[in-house]
Amino acid sequence: MTFPKTFLAVAGAFAVSIVVSMPAAFAQTPASSASMEGMDMSASSGSQSDSASTKEFQAADHSMMSGMSSVQYTGDADHDFVAHMIPHHQGAVAMAKVELKYGKDAKLRALAKEIIASQDKEIAFMKQWLAAHPQKK
């Protein structure tokens, strides 16, 4: 069975357009409070929503999102990266501490300990970097 040349041309153009647009579909935009609209970090489903661990995870989520969205962008990629990653890492550490407090799975508890150790070191490095590279006004 042979396909008309027009069909092959249209199919080829469609395939090319999909391949070209794929990276844009997965691109992430910078986080801001506006880009987080509609994301309710306090909501959870099921009867466990009032558990102590859920409340602590929600507090960690809220603190991290608030910290990241409160940092102003400067146009300096290095500064913006570090300034936004600090609250992100602090959120990861807070969530790992909740896992250690309430979690039972040995492998996840070990992962939480690794996260705390590595992210604390990275937070210290990023704070030192910021201190050594003050933003010029």
Protein backbone atom coordinates (compact mmCIF):
# COMPACT_ATOMS: atom_id res chain seq x y z
CA MET A 1 0.00 0.00 0.00
CA THR A 2 1.40 3.40 -0.95
CA PHE A 3 0.54 6.73 0.65
CA PRO A 4 -0.01 9.88 -1.35
CA LYS A 5 2.88 12.36 -1.17
CA THR A 6 0.64 14.95 0.54
CA PHE A 7 -0.17 12.56 3.37
CA LEU A 8 3.52 11.74 3.87
CA ALA A 9 4.42 15.44 3.84
CA VAL A 10 1.73 16.30 6.41
CA ALA A 11 2.68 13.34 8.62
CA GLY A 12 6.34 14.31 8.39
CA ALA A 13 5.60 17.95 9.28
CA PHE A 14 3.47 16.83 12.21
CA ALA A 15 6.23 14.54 13.50
CA VAL A 16 8.83 17.32 13.20
CA SER A 17 6.56 19.78 15.03
CA ILE A 18 6.13 17.30 17.90
CA VAL A 19 9.87 16.70 18.19
CA VAL A 20 10.62 20.43 18.08
CA SER A 21 7.98 21.31 20.68
CA MET A 22 8.79 18.51 23.16
CA PRO A 23 11.59 20.37 25.02
CA ALA A 24 9.30 23.38 25.54
CA ALA A 25 6.59 21.15 26.94
CA PHE A 26 8.93 19.96 29.66
CA ALA A 27 10.61 23.29 30.35
CA GLN A 28 10.12 24.69 33.82
CA THR A 29 9.40 28.30 34.52
CA PRO A 30 10.87 30.09 37.53
CA ALA A 31 8.91 29.59 40.73
CA SER A 32 6.96 32.51 42.01
CA SER A 33 3.91 32.87 44.12
CA ALA A 34 1.89 33.48 40.96
CA SER A 35 3.12 30.25 39.36
CA MET A 36 2.06 28.34 42.46
CA GLU A 37 -1.54 29.53 42.32
CA GLY A 38 -3.98 26.70 42.69
CA MET A 39 -1.51 24.51 44.54
CA ASP A 40 -2.91 23.93 47.98
CA MET A 41 -0.02 22.65 50.04
CA SER A 42 -2.25 22.30 53.08
CA ALA A 43 -4.80 19.92 51.62
CA SER A 44 -4.56 16.17 51.87
CA SER A 45 -6.98 13.39 51.27
CA GLY A 46 -8.12 10.62 53.50
CA SER A 47 -8.69 10.32 57.20
CA GLN A 48 -4.99 10.77 57.99
CA SER A 49 -5.07 14.49 57.19
CA ASP A 50 -5.12 15.39 60.88
CA SER A 51 -2.16 13.19 61.83
CA ALA A 52 0.83 14.84 63.47
CA SER A 53 3.14 13.83 60.62
CA THR A 54 0.80 15.32 58.02
CA LYS A 55 0.65 18.60 59.91
CA GLU A 56 4.44 18.70 60.16
CA PHE A 57 4.88 17.88 56.45
CA GLN A 58 2.39 20.62 55.59
CA ALA A 59 4.27 23.11 57.76
CA ALA A 60 7.55 22.15 56.07
CA ASP A 61 5.95 22.48 52.61
CA HIS A 62 4.48 25.88 53.46
CA SER A 63 7.75 27.18 54.90
CA MET A 64 9.74 26.00 51.87
CA MET A 65 7.31 27.43 49.32
CA SER A 66 7.06 30.70 51.20
CA GLY A 67 10.84 30.94 51.49
CA MET A 68 11.40 30.25 47.81
CA SER A 69 8.72 32.64 46.57
CA SER A 70 9.82 35.48 48.86
CA VAL A 71 13.31 35.69 47.34
CA GLN A 72 13.50 38.34 44.64
CA TYR A 73 15.16 37.49 41.33
CA THR A 74 18.18 39.64 40.53
CA GLY A 75 19.08 38.61 37.00
CA ASP A 76 22.33 37.10 38.30
CA ALA A 77 21.91 33.36 37.67
CA ASP A 78 24.47 32.34 40.28
CA HIS A 79 22.94 34.50 43.01
CA ASP A 80 19.37 33.55 42.12
CA PHE A 81 20.22 29.84 42.05
CA VAL A 82 21.79 29.87 45.51
CA ALA A 83 19.21 32.22 47.06
CA HIS A 84 16.34 29.98 45.95
CA MET A 85 18.05 26.67 46.67
CA ILE A 86 18.67 27.51 50.33
CA PRO A 87 14.98 27.46 51.32
CA HIS A 88 14.45 24.47 49.02
CA HIS A 89 17.16 22.51 50.84
CA GLN A 90 15.88 23.70 54.22
CA GLY A 91 12.48 22.28 53.25
CA ALA A 92 14.07 18.95 52.34
CA VAL A 93 15.83 18.84 55.71
CA ALA A 94 12.59 19.66 57.54
CA MET A 95 10.73 16.89 55.68
CA ALA A 96 13.55 14.42 56.38
CA LYS A 97 13.28 15.25 60.09
CA VAL A 98 9.55 14.48 59.96
CA GLU A 99 10.38 11.13 58.39
CA LEU A 100 12.83 10.38 61.19
CA LYS A 101 10.29 11.38 63.81
CA TYR A 102 7.36 9.36 62.44
CA GLY A 103 8.61 7.02 59.71
CA LYS A 104 9.08 3.30 60.26
CA ASP A 105 10.78 2.10 57.06
CA ALA A 106 14.50 1.54 57.71
CA LYS A 107 15.57 2.42 54.16
CA LEU A 108 13.59 5.67 54.15
CA ARG A 109 14.95 6.59 57.58
CA ALA A 110 18.49 5.99 56.27
CA LEU A 111 17.70 8.15 53.23
CA ALA A 112 16.36 10.89 55.51
CA LYS A 113 19.62 10.85 57.48
CA GLU A 114 21.62 11.13 54.25
CA ILE A 115 19.44 14.01 53.07
CA ILE A 116 19.95 15.89 56.32
CA ALA A 117 23.73 15.41 56.26
CA SER A 118 24.23 16.32 52.61
CA GLN A 119 21.75 19.17 52.44
CA ASP A 120 23.04 20.77 55.66
CA LYS A 121 26.53 20.83 54.10
CA GLU A 122 25.15 22.32 50.89
CA ILE A 123 23.16 24.95 52.80
CA ALA A 124 26.31 25.97 54.70
CA PHE A 125 28.25 26.20 51.41
CA MET A 126 25.55 28.30 49.75
CA LYS A 127 25.32 30.67 52.72
CA GLN A 128 29.10 31.10 52.64
CA TRP A 129 28.95 31.73 48.90
CA LEU A 130 26.27 34.40 49.35
CA ALA A 131 28.32 36.10 52.07
CA ALA A 132 31.38 36.12 49.79
CA HIS A 133 29.38 37.41 46.81
CA PRO A 134 27.17 40.23 48.06
CA GLN A 135 24.62 41.51 45.58
CA LYS A 136 25.69 44.83 44.09
CA LYS A 137 23.06 47.55 44.12
